Amino acid sequence: MLAVTLILVGGEEIGLPLIGLVAGVGIGGLAIALAAQDTLRNVLGSLMIFFDQPYRAGDRIVVLGHDGIVEQIGLRSTRIRGCSTAS
């Protein structure tokens, strides 16, 4: 924090318009955060399933009206065999 403050104060002293630069970086950071939102949600959801292990390979589960046997759990997907509509 101290280094950033010193850089900003020093830049202002030599005449650089750092207020606009800081505002631009803030807006750019917001745009990146919004663009990465879905990716981050998928990664965190995958890690939660991977580490919490609410189900394991071989378990029978029902998801969104489909039931089946979990074949494989990966970081990006979970494979379910024999999905059929549950009643």
PDB file of N, CA and C in Angstrom:
ATOM      1  N   MET A   1       0.819  -1.188   0.000  1.00  0.00           N
ATOM      2  CA  MET A   1       0.000   0.000   0.000  1.00  0.00           C
ATOM      3  C   MET A   1       0.866   1.255   0.000  1.00  0.00           C
ATOM      4  N   LEU A   2       1.931   1.198   0.797  1.00  0.00           N
ATOM      5  CA  LEU A   2       2.822   2.350   0.892  1.00  0.00           C
ATOM      6  C   LEU A   2       3.497   2.614  -0.454  1.00  0.00           C
ATOM      7  N   ALA A   3       3.911   1.552  -1.136  1.00  0.00           N
ATOM      8  CA  ALA A   3       4.574   1.715  -2.426  1.00  0.00           C
ATOM      9  C   ALA A   3       3.617   2.323  -3.462  1.00  0.00           C
ATOM     10  N   VAL A   4       2.383   1.864  -3.480  1.00  0.00           N
ATOM     11  CA  VAL A   4       1.394   2.396  -4.427  1.00  0.00           C
ATOM     12  C   VAL A   4       1.136   3.870  -4.138  1.00  0.00           C
ATOM     13  N   THR A   5       1.019   4.206  -2.860  1.00  0.00           N
ATOM     14  CA  THR A   5       0.801   5.600  -2.482  1.00  0.00           C
ATOM     15  C   THR A   5       1.974   6.476  -2.914  1.00  0.00           C
ATOM     16  N   LEU A   6       3.186   5.988  -2.690  1.00  0.00           N
ATOM     17  CA  LEU A   6       4.368   6.752  -3.093  1.00  0.00           C
ATOM     18  C   LEU A   6       4.426   6.948  -4.602  1.00  0.00           C
ATOM     19  N   ILE A   7       4.083   5.922  -5.357  1.00  0.00           N
ATOM     20  CA  ILE A   7       4.084   6.036  -6.815  1.00  0.00           C
ATOM     21  C   ILE A   7       3.043   7.053  -7.272  1.00  0.00           C
ATOM     22  N   LEU A   8       1.845   7.010  -6.679  1.00  0.00           N
ATOM     23  CA  LEU A   8       0.802   7.956  -7.070  1.00  0.00           C
ATOM     24  C   LEU A   8       1.177   9.390  -6.720  1.00  0.00           C
ATOM     25  N   VAL A   9       1.681   9.603  -5.520  1.00  0.00           N
ATOM     26  CA  VAL A   9       2.076  10.953  -5.111  1.00  0.00           C
ATOM     27  C   VAL A   9       3.239  11.449  -5.968  1.00  0.00           C
ATOM     28  N   GLY A  10       4.227  10.583  -6.208  1.00  0.00           N
ATOM     29  CA  GLY A  10       5.367  10.961  -7.045  1.00  0.00           C
ATOM     30  C   GLY A  10       4.946  11.280  -8.465  1.00  0.00           C
ATOM     31  N   GLY A  11       4.025  10.513  -9.021  1.00  0.00           N
ATOM     32  CA  GLY A  11       3.532  10.768 -10.365  1.00  0.00           C
ATOM     33  C   GLY A  11       2.803  12.089 -10.459  1.00  0.00           C
ATOM     34  N   GLU A  12       2.023  12.402  -9.448  1.00  0.00           N
ATOM     35  CA  GLU A  12       1.315  13.685  -9.427  1.00  0.00           C
ATOM     36  C   GLU A  12       2.316  14.842  -9.345  1.00  0.00           C
ATOM     37  N   GLU A  13       3.387  14.664  -8.620  1.00  0.00           N
ATOM     38  CA  GLU A  13       4.395  15.719  -8.467  1.00  0.00           C
ATOM     39  C   GLU A  13       5.098  16.034  -9.781  1.00  0.00           C
ATOM     40  N   ILE A  14       5.285  15.004 -10.641  1.00  0.00           N
ATOM     41  CA  ILE A  14       5.963  15.270 -11.916  1.00  0.00           C
ATOM     42  C   ILE A  14       4.979  15.581 -13.046  1.00  0.00           C
ATOM     43  N   GLY A  15       3.691  15.642 -12.723  1.00  0.00           N
ATOM     44  CA  GLY A  15       2.709  16.092 -13.702  1.00  0.00           C
ATOM     45  C   GLY A  15       1.973  15.015 -14.463  1.00  0.00           C
ATOM     46  N   LEU A  16       2.038  13.771 -14.058  1.00  0.00           N
ATOM     47  CA  LEU A  16       1.292  12.711 -14.742  1.00  0.00           C
ATOM     48  C   LEU A  16      -0.157  12.700 -14.269  1.00  0.00           C
ATOM     49  N   PRO A  17      -1.103  12.553 -15.187  1.00  0.00           N
ATOM     50  CA  PRO A  17      -2.522  12.516 -14.789  1.00  0.00           C
ATOM     51  C   PRO A  17      -2.909  11.120 -14.285  1.00  0.00           C
ATOM     52  N   LEU A  18      -2.535  10.798 -13.085  1.00  0.00           N
ATOM     53  CA  LEU A  18      -2.734   9.447 -12.566  1.00  0.00           C
ATOM     54  C   LEU A  18      -4.154   9.170 -12.105  1.00  0.00           C
ATOM     55  N   ILE A  19      -4.948  10.186 -11.854  1.00  0.00           N
ATOM     56  CA  ILE A  19      -6.342   9.963 -11.463  1.00  0.00           C
ATOM     57  C   ILE A  19      -7.087   9.249 -12.598  1.00  0.00           C
ATOM     58  N   GLY A  20      -6.905   9.709 -13.823  1.00  0.00           N
ATOM     59  CA  GLY A  20      -7.541   9.068 -14.972  1.00  0.00           C
ATOM     60  C   GLY A  20      -7.025   7.661 -15.189  1.00  0.00           C
ATOM     61  N   LEU A  21      -5.726   7.467 -14.981  1.00  0.00           N
ATOM     62  CA  LEU A  21      -5.135   6.139 -15.131  1.00  0.00           C
ATOM     63  C   LEU A  21      -5.710   5.167 -14.110  1.00  0.00           C
ATOM     64  N   VAL A  22      -5.817   5.598 -12.864  1.00  0.00           N
ATOM     65  CA  VAL A  22      -6.377   4.748 -11.806  1.00  0.00           C
ATOM     66  C   VAL A  22      -7.839   4.424 -12.107  1.00  0.00           C
ATOM     67  N   ALA A  23      -8.604   5.396 -12.579  1.00  0.00           N
ATOM     68  CA  ALA A  23     -10.004   5.163 -12.935  1.00  0.00           C
ATOM     69  C   ALA A  23     -10.108   4.166 -14.082  1.00  0.00           C
ATOM     70  N   GLY A  24      -9.241   4.305 -15.078  1.00  0.00           N
ATOM     71  CA  GLY A  24      -9.245   3.373 -16.204  1.00  0.00           C
ATOM     72  C   GLY A  24      -8.903   1.961 -15.794  1.00  0.00           C
ATOM     73  N   VAL A  25      -7.926   1.823 -14.898  1.00  0.00           N
ATOM     74  CA  VAL A  25      -7.549   0.492 -14.411  1.00  0.00           C
ATOM     75  C   VAL A  25      -8.700  -0.116 -13.619  1.00  0.00           C
ATOM     76  N   GLY A  26      -9.399   0.709 -12.843  1.00  0.00           N
ATOM     77  CA  GLY A  26     -10.550   0.223 -12.077  1.00  0.00           C
ATOM     78  C   GLY A  26     -11.659  -0.288 -12.972  1.00  0.00           C
ATOM     79  N   ILE A  27     -11.960   0.456 -14.034  1.00  0.00           N
ATOM     80  CA  ILE A  27     -13.001   0.036 -14.975  1.00  0.00           C
ATOM     81  C   ILE A  27     -12.572  -1.221 -15.727  1.00  0.00           C
ATOM     82  N   GLY A  28     -11.292  -1.290 -16.106  1.00  0.00           N
ATOM     83  CA  GLY A  28     -10.778  -2.494 -16.773  1.00  0.00           C
ATOM     84  C   GLY A  28     -10.853  -3.711 -15.872  1.00  0.00           C
ATOM     85  N   GLY A  29     -10.532  -3.538 -14.597  1.00  0.00           N
ATOM     86  CA  GLY A  29     -10.625  -4.640 -13.641  1.00  0.00           C
ATOM     87  C   GLY A  29     -12.055  -5.121 -13.475  1.00  0.00           C
ATOM     88  N   LEU A  30     -13.003  -4.201 -13.467  1.00  0.00           N
ATOM     89  CA  LEU A  30     -14.417  -4.564 -13.366  1.00  0.00           C
ATOM     90  C   LEU A  30     -14.859  -5.352 -14.595  1.00  0.00           C
ATOM     91  N   ALA A  31     -14.417  -4.938 -15.777  1.00  0.00           N
ATOM     92  CA  ALA A  31     -14.777  -5.649 -17.009  1.00  0.00           C
ATOM     93  C   ALA A  31     -14.214  -7.069 -17.006  1.00  0.00           C
ATOM     94  N   ILE A  32     -12.979  -7.228 -16.561  1.00  0.00           N
ATOM     95  CA  ILE A  32     -12.372  -8.564 -16.489  1.00  0.00           C
ATOM     96  C   ILE A  32     -13.101  -9.428 -15.473  1.00  0.00           C
ATOM     97  N   ALA A  33     -13.455  -8.854 -14.327  1.00  0.00           N
ATOM     98  CA  ALA A  33     -14.159  -9.609 -13.291  1.00  0.00           C
ATOM     99  C   ALA A  33     -15.521 -10.087 -13.790  1.00  0.00           C
ATOM    100  N   LEU A  34     -16.249  -9.227 -14.494  1.00  0.00           N
ATOM    101  CA  LEU A  34     -17.551  -9.630 -15.026  1.00  0.00           C
ATOM    102  C   LEU A  34     -17.411 -10.704 -16.106  1.00  0.00           C
ATOM    103  N   ALA A  35     -16.365 -10.607 -16.929  1.00  0.00           N
ATOM    104  CA  ALA A  35     -16.156 -11.599 -17.982  1.00  0.00           C
ATOM    105  C   ALA A  35     -15.763 -12.954 -17.409  1.00  0.00           C
ATOM    106  N   ALA A  36     -15.050 -12.957 -16.296  1.00  0.00           N
ATOM    107  CA  ALA A  36     -14.564 -14.205 -15.700  1.00  0.00           C
ATOM    108  C   ALA A  36     -15.545 -14.810 -14.709  1.00  0.00           C
ATOM    109  N   GLN A  37     -16.682 -14.190 -14.511  1.00  0.00           N
ATOM    110  CA  GLN A  37     -17.636 -14.627 -13.494  1.00  0.00           C
ATOM    111  C   GLN A  37     -18.110 -16.068 -13.717  1.00  0.00           C
ATOM    112  N   ASP A  38     -18.535 -16.421 -14.930  1.00  0.00           N
ATOM    113  CA  ASP A  38     -19.023 -17.776 -15.193  1.00  0.00           C
ATOM    114  C   ASP A  38     -17.918 -18.805 -15.063  1.00  0.00           C
ATOM    115  N   THR A  39     -16.731 -18.475 -15.548  1.00  0.00           N
ATOM    116  CA  THR A  39     -15.605 -19.400 -15.438  1.00  0.00           C
ATOM    117  C   THR A  39     -15.266 -19.667 -13.984  1.00  0.00           C
ATOM    118  N   LEU A  40     -15.222 -18.622 -13.189  1.00  0.00           N
ATOM    119  CA  LEU A  40     -14.922 -18.771 -11.772  1.00  0.00           C
ATOM    120  C   LEU A  40     -15.995 -19.586 -11.072  1.00  0.00           C
ATOM    121  N   ARG A  41     -17.250 -19.376 -11.428  1.00  0.00           N
ATOM    122  CA  ARG A  41     -18.352 -20.144 -10.839  1.00  0.00           C
ATOM    123  C   ARG A  41     -18.189 -21.635 -11.165  1.00  0.00           C
ATOM    124  N   ASN A  42     -17.837 -21.956 -12.416  1.00  0.00           N
ATOM    125  CA  ASN A  42     -17.649 -23.357 -12.809  1.00  0.00           C
ATOM    126  C   ASN A  42     -16.479 -23.998 -12.077  1.00  0.00           C
ATOM    127  N   VAL A  43     -15.376 -23.269 -11.958  1.00  0.00           N
ATOM    128  CA  VAL A  43     -14.191 -23.812 -11.277  1.00  0.00           C
ATOM    129  C   VAL A  43     -14.494 -24.066  -9.805  1.00  0.00           C
ATOM    130  N   LEU A  44     -15.137 -23.108  -9.147  1.00  0.00           N
ATOM    131  CA  LEU A  44     -15.451 -23.280  -7.728  1.00  0.00           C
ATOM    132  C   LEU A  44     -16.455 -24.413  -7.508  1.00  0.00           C
ATOM    133  N   GLY A  45     -17.448 -24.540  -8.386  1.00  0.00           N
ATOM    134  CA  GLY A  45     -18.405 -25.648  -8.290  1.00  0.00           C
ATOM    135  C   GLY A  45     -17.726 -26.992  -8.481  1.00  0.00           C
ATOM    136  N   SER A  46     -16.813 -27.063  -9.451  1.00  0.00           N
ATOM    137  CA  SER A  46     -16.072 -28.308  -9.685  1.00  0.00           C
ATOM    138  C   SER A  46     -15.202 -28.670  -8.497  1.00  0.00           C
ATOM    139  N   LEU A  47     -14.521 -27.674  -7.929  1.00  0.00           N
ATOM    140  CA  LEU A  47     -13.679 -27.948  -6.763  1.00  0.00           C
ATOM    141  C   LEU A  47     -14.508 -28.393  -5.564  1.00  0.00           C
ATOM    142  N   MET A  48     -15.704 -27.828  -5.398  1.00  0.00           N
ATOM    143  CA  MET A  48     -16.560 -28.223  -4.287  1.00  0.00           C
ATOM    144  C   MET A  48     -16.978 -29.685  -4.440  1.00  0.00           C
ATOM    145  N   ILE A  49     -17.378 -30.089  -5.623  1.00  0.00           N
ATOM    146  CA  ILE A  49     -17.754 -31.489  -5.861  1.00  0.00           C
ATOM    147  C   ILE A  49     -16.548 -32.394  -5.680  1.00  0.00           C
ATOM    148  N   PHE A  50     -15.395 -31.962  -6.181  1.00  0.00           N
ATOM    149  CA  PHE A  50     -14.189 -32.786  -6.119  1.00  0.00           C
ATOM    150  C   PHE A  50     -13.728 -33.006  -4.683  1.00  0.00           C
ATOM    151  N   PHE A  51     -13.745 -31.948  -3.857  1.00  0.00           N
ATOM    152  CA  PHE A  51     -13.231 -32.076  -2.490  1.00  0.00           C
ATOM    153  C   PHE A  51     -14.288 -32.528  -1.485  1.00  0.00           C
ATOM    154  N   ASP A  52     -15.534 -32.059  -1.605  1.00  0.00           N
ATOM    155  CA  ASP A  52     -16.582 -32.469  -0.661  1.00  0.00           C
ATOM    156  C   ASP A  52     -17.051 -33.891  -0.926  1.00  0.00           C
ATOM    157  N   GLN A  53     -16.979 -34.313  -2.159  1.00  0.00           N
ATOM    158  CA  GLN A  53     -17.402 -35.638  -2.603  1.00  0.00           C
ATOM    159  C   GLN A  53     -18.788 -36.003  -2.082  1.00  0.00           C
ATOM    160  N   PRO A  54     -19.830 -35.227  -2.489  1.00  0.00           N
ATOM    161  CA  PRO A  54     -21.181 -35.577  -2.055  1.00  0.00           C
ATOM    162  C   PRO A  54     -21.646 -36.894  -2.666  1.00  0.00           C
ATOM    163  N   TYR A  55     -21.007 -37.298  -3.734  1.00  0.00           N
ATOM    164  CA  TYR A  55     -21.239 -38.603  -4.337  1.00  0.00           C
ATOM    165  C   TYR A  55     -19.933 -39.102  -4.918  1.00  0.00           C
ATOM    166  N   ARG A  56     -19.860 -40.391  -5.148  1.00  0.00           N
ATOM    167  CA  ARG A  56     -18.645 -41.022  -5.674  1.00  0.00           C
ATOM    168  C   ARG A  56     -18.996 -41.862  -6.894  1.00  0.00           C
ATOM    169  N   ALA A  57     -17.991 -42.299  -7.610  1.00  0.00           N
ATOM    170  CA  ALA A  57     -18.216 -43.177  -8.761  1.00  0.00           C
ATOM    171  C   ALA A  57     -18.921 -44.435  -8.261  1.00  0.00           C
ATOM    172  N   GLY A  58     -19.996 -44.818  -8.963  1.00  0.00           N
ATOM    173  CA  GLY A  58     -20.788 -45.986  -8.578  1.00  0.00           C
ATOM    174  C   GLY A  58     -22.065 -45.627  -7.841  1.00  0.00           C
ATOM    175  N   ASP A  59     -22.188 -44.392  -7.325  1.00  0.00           N
ATOM    176  CA  ASP A  59     -23.402 -43.966  -6.627  1.00  0.00           C
ATOM    177  C   ASP A  59     -24.516 -43.688  -7.635  1.00  0.00           C
ATOM    178  N   ARG A  60     -25.758 -43.941  -7.220  1.00  0.00           N
ATOM    179  CA  ARG A  60     -26.918 -43.609  -8.040  1.00  0.00           C
ATOM    180  C   ARG A  60     -27.423 -42.246  -7.575  1.00  0.00           C
ATOM    181  N   ILE A  61     -27.581 -41.315  -8.529  1.00  0.00           N
ATOM    182  CA  ILE A  61     -28.047 -39.974  -8.182  1.00  0.00           C
ATOM    183  C   ILE A  61     -29.171 -39.559  -9.124  1.00  0.00           C
ATOM    184  N   VAL A  62     -29.953 -38.565  -8.700  1.00  0.00           N
ATOM    185  CA  VAL A  62     -31.004 -37.969  -9.521  1.00  0.00           C
ATOM    186  C   VAL A  62     -30.671 -36.491  -9.668  1.00  0.00           C
ATOM    187  N   VAL A  63     -30.546 -36.039 -10.931  1.00  0.00           N
ATOM    188  CA  VAL A  63     -30.205 -34.645 -11.219  1.00  0.00           C
ATOM    189  C   VAL A  63     -31.155 -34.110 -12.273  1.00  0.00           C
ATOM    190  N   LEU A  64     -31.876 -33.041 -11.945  1.00  0.00           N
ATOM    191  CA  LEU A  64     -32.778 -32.375 -12.890  1.00  0.00           C
ATOM    192  C   LEU A  64     -33.731 -33.349 -13.579  1.00  0.00           C
ATOM    193  N   GLY A  65     -34.307 -34.277 -12.829  1.00  0.00           N
ATOM    194  CA  GLY A  65     -35.265 -35.214 -13.384  1.00  0.00           C
ATOM    195  C   GLY A  65     -34.660 -36.423 -14.074  1.00  0.00           C
ATOM    196  N   HIS A  66     -33.361 -36.538 -14.084  1.00  0.00           N
ATOM    197  CA  HIS A  66     -32.683 -37.690 -14.685  1.00  0.00           C
ATOM    198  C   HIS A  66     -31.967 -38.457 -13.588  1.00  0.00           C
ATOM    199  N   ASP A  67     -32.046 -39.778 -13.657  1.00  0.00           N
ATOM    200  CA  ASP A  67     -31.282 -40.543 -12.677  1.00  0.00           C
ATOM    201  C   ASP A  67     -30.307 -41.462 -13.388  1.00  0.00           C
ATOM    202  N   GLY A  68     -29.229 -41.772 -12.711  1.00  0.00           N
ATOM    203  CA  GLY A  68     -28.221 -42.639 -13.298  1.00  0.00           C
ATOM    204  C   GLY A  68     -27.116 -42.942 -12.313  1.00  0.00           C
ATOM    205  N   ILE A  69     -26.141 -43.693 -12.767  1.00  0.00           N
ATOM    206  CA  ILE A  69     -25.006 -44.108 -11.948  1.00  0.00           C
ATOM    207  C   ILE A  69     -23.806 -43.253 -12.333  1.00  0.00           C
ATOM    208  N   VAL A  70     -23.142 -42.683 -11.348  1.00  0.00           N
ATOM    209  CA  VAL A  70     -21.967 -41.844 -11.597  1.00  0.00           C
ATOM    210  C   VAL A  70     -20.823 -42.738 -12.060  1.00  0.00           C
ATOM    211  N   GLU A  71     -20.290 -42.444 -13.238  1.00  0.00           N
ATOM    212  CA  GLU A  71     -19.162 -43.204 -13.768  1.00  0.00           C
ATOM    213  C   GLU A  71     -17.831 -42.556 -13.425  1.00  0.00           C
ATOM    214  N   GLN A  72     -17.753 -41.246 -13.599  1.00  0.00           N
ATOM    215  CA  GLN A  72     -16.475 -40.560 -13.435  1.00  0.00           C
ATOM    216  C   GLN A  72     -16.723 -39.135 -12.975  1.00  0.00           C
ATOM    217  N   ILE A  73     -15.890 -38.648 -12.049  1.00  0.00           N
ATOM    218  CA  ILE A  73     -15.972 -37.271 -11.579  1.00  0.00           C
ATOM    219  C   ILE A  73     -14.672 -36.582 -11.944  1.00  0.00           C
ATOM    220  N   GLY A  74     -14.765 -35.533 -12.750  1.00  0.00           N
ATOM    221  CA  GLY A  74     -13.588 -34.758 -13.143  1.00  0.00           C
ATOM    222  C   GLY A  74     -13.735 -33.318 -12.705  1.00  0.00           C
ATOM    223  N   LEU A  75     -12.741 -32.504 -13.023  1.00  0.00           N
ATOM    224  CA  LEU A  75     -12.805 -31.098 -12.659  1.00  0.00           C
ATOM    225  C   LEU A  75     -13.803 -30.323 -13.512  1.00  0.00           C
ATOM    226  N   ARG A  76     -14.034 -30.732 -14.748  1.00  0.00           N
ATOM    227  CA  ARG A  76     -14.942 -30.002 -15.632  1.00  0.00           C
ATOM    228  C   ARG A  76     -16.291 -30.679 -15.814  1.00  0.00           C
ATOM    229  N   SER A  77     -16.399 -31.984 -15.530  1.00  0.00           N
ATOM    230  CA  SER A  77     -17.663 -32.671 -15.771  1.00  0.00           C
ATOM    231  C   SER A  77     -17.779 -33.920 -14.900  1.00  0.00           C
ATOM    232  N   THR A  78     -19.008 -34.366 -14.763  1.00  0.00           N
ATOM    233  CA  THR A  78     -19.299 -35.627 -14.079  1.00  0.00           C
ATOM    234  C   THR A  78     -20.075 -36.478 -15.071  1.00  0.00           C
ATOM    235  N   ARG A  79     -19.634 -37.702 -15.320  1.00  0.00           N
ATOM    236  CA  ARG A  79     -20.300 -38.588 -16.274  1.00  0.00           C
ATOM    237  C   ARG A  79     -21.268 -39.496 -15.527  1.00  0.00           C
ATOM    238  N   ILE A  80     -22.493 -39.561 -16.059  1.00  0.00           N
ATOM    239  CA  ILE A  80     -23.543 -40.389 -15.478  1.00  0.00           C
ATOM    240  C   ILE A  80     -24.014 -41.371 -16.539  1.00  0.00           C
ATOM    241  N   ARG A  81     -24.061 -42.654 -16.200  1.00  0.00           N
ATOM    242  CA  ARG A  81     -24.464 -43.721 -17.134  1.00  0.00           C
ATOM    243  C   ARG A  81     -25.925 -44.063 -16.892  1.00  0.00           C
ATOM    244  N   GLY A  82     -26.635 -44.351 -17.973  1.00  0.00           N
ATOM    245  CA  GLY A  82     -27.995 -44.852 -17.899  1.00  0.00           C
ATOM    246  C   GLY A  82     -28.996 -43.809 -17.436  1.00  0.00           C
ATOM    247  N   CYS A  83     -28.816 -42.577 -17.883  1.00  0.00           N
ATOM    248  CA  CYS A  83     -29.769 -41.531 -17.516  1.00  0.00           C
ATOM    249  C   CYS A  83     -31.118 -41.806 -18.133  1.00  0.00           C
ATOM    250  N   SER A  84     -32.158 -41.685 -17.333  1.00  0.00           N
ATOM    251  CA  SER A  84     -33.525 -41.785 -17.828  1.00  0.00           C
ATOM    252  C   SER A  84     -34.368 -40.812 -17.030  1.00  0.00           C
ATOM    253  N   THR A  85     -35.531 -40.488 -17.544  1.00  0.00           N
ATOM    254  CA  THR A  85     -36.391 -39.523 -16.858  1.00  0.00           C
ATOM    255  C   THR A  85     -36.959 -40.179 -15.606  1.00  0.00           C
ATOM    256  N   ALA A  86     -36.777 -39.500 -14.478  1.00  0.00           N
ATOM    257  CA  ALA A  86     -37.307 -40.003 -13.201  1.00  0.00           C
ATOM    258  C   ALA A  86     -38.748 -39.550 -13.050  1.00  0.00           C
ATOM    259  N   SER A  87     -39.579 -40.381 -12.420  1.00  0.00           N
ATOM    260  CA  SER A  87     -40.965 -39.972 -12.215  1.00  0.00           C
ATOM    261  C   SER A  87     -41.247 -39.610 -10.796  1.00  0.00           C
TER     262      SER A  87
END
